[in-house]
């Protein structure tokens, strides 16, 4: 399916969950300091593994950055 992930078109498996998309971006199994929005609505971390986007959805993945 086609998604827009962080403003970039992405092809992902039809069975992908939000957790799969985040892992693919982060490159680690359990990324920390990450927030996710699906079509503009925050997805609680506890729901990532069960939330399945559909074709055309937009996912924004934000990471916390330290600094000033």
Protein backbone atom coordinates (compact mmCIF):
# COMPACT_ATOMS: atom_id res chain seq x y z
CA UNK A 1 0.00 0.00 0.00
CA UNK A 2 1.01 3.61 -0.47
CA UNK A 3 1.42 5.84 2.60
CA UNK A 4 2.87 9.27 3.12
CA UNK A 5 5.44 8.98 5.89
CA UNK A 6 6.98 12.24 7.08
CA UNK A 7 5.84 13.94 3.85
CA UNK A 8 7.47 11.27 1.62
CA UNK A 9 5.57 8.64 -0.38
CA UNK A 10 6.31 5.14 0.91
CA UNK A 11 5.34 1.64 -0.18
CA UNK A 12 4.65 -0.62 2.78
CA UNK A 13 3.29 -4.11 3.15
CA UNK A 14 -0.50 -4.32 3.29
CA UNK A 15 -0.29 -5.95 6.73
CA UNK A 16 1.99 -3.27 8.22
CA UNK A 17 1.12 -1.67 11.53
CA UNK A 18 2.18 1.72 12.85
CA UNK A 19 4.81 -0.14 14.91
CA UNK A 20 6.24 -1.68 11.70
CA UNK A 21 6.48 1.72 10.03
CA UNK A 22 8.24 3.25 13.06
CA UNK A 23 10.68 0.32 13.30
CA UNK A 24 11.45 0.70 9.61
CA UNK A 25 12.28 4.37 10.04
CA UNK A 26 14.18 4.04 13.30
CA UNK A 27 16.07 0.87 12.39
CA UNK A 28 15.65 -0.51 15.90
CA UNK A 29 13.11 -2.86 17.46
CA UNK A 30 12.01 -0.60 20.32
CA UNK A 31 12.62 3.08 19.48
CA UNK A 32 12.49 5.58 22.34
CA UNK A 33 11.55 9.25 22.34
CA UNK A 34 9.16 8.82 19.41
CA UNK A 35 5.63 10.13 18.87
CA UNK A 36 3.34 9.13 15.99
CA UNK A 37 0.35 10.78 14.35
CA UNK A 38 -1.89 8.97 11.88
CA UNK A 39 -3.83 11.38 9.67
CA UNK A 40 -3.17 14.13 12.21
CA UNK A 41 -4.30 12.19 15.30
CA UNK A 42 -1.80 11.00 17.90
CA UNK A 43 -1.52 7.23 18.18
CA UNK A 44 -0.64 6.20 21.75
CA UNK A 45 2.44 3.97 21.88
CA UNK A 46 0.34 1.20 23.45
CA UNK A 47 -1.74 1.11 20.24
CA UNK A 48 1.05 1.07 17.66
CA UNK A 49 1.11 -2.72 17.27
CA UNK A 50 -2.62 -2.94 16.64
CA UNK A 51 -3.13 0.18 14.53
CA UNK A 52 -3.12 -0.58 10.81
CA UNK A 53 -2.98 2.29 8.34
CA UNK A 54 -4.87 2.01 5.07
CA UNK A 55 -3.80 2.98 1.58
CA UNK A 56 -3.35 6.75 1.30
CA UNK A 57 -2.95 7.44 5.02
CA UNK A 58 -0.41 9.95 6.33
CA UNK A 59 1.92 9.02 9.17
CA UNK A 60 4.09 11.58 10.93
CA UNK A 61 6.88 10.19 13.10
CA UNK A 62 8.50 12.70 15.45
CA UNK A 63 11.57 12.15 17.60
CA UNK A 64 12.65 14.03 20.68
CA UNK A 65 15.91 15.91 20.24
CA UNK A 66 18.00 17.23 23.08
CA UNK A 67 19.49 20.65 22.81
CA UNK A 68 18.76 24.27 23.18
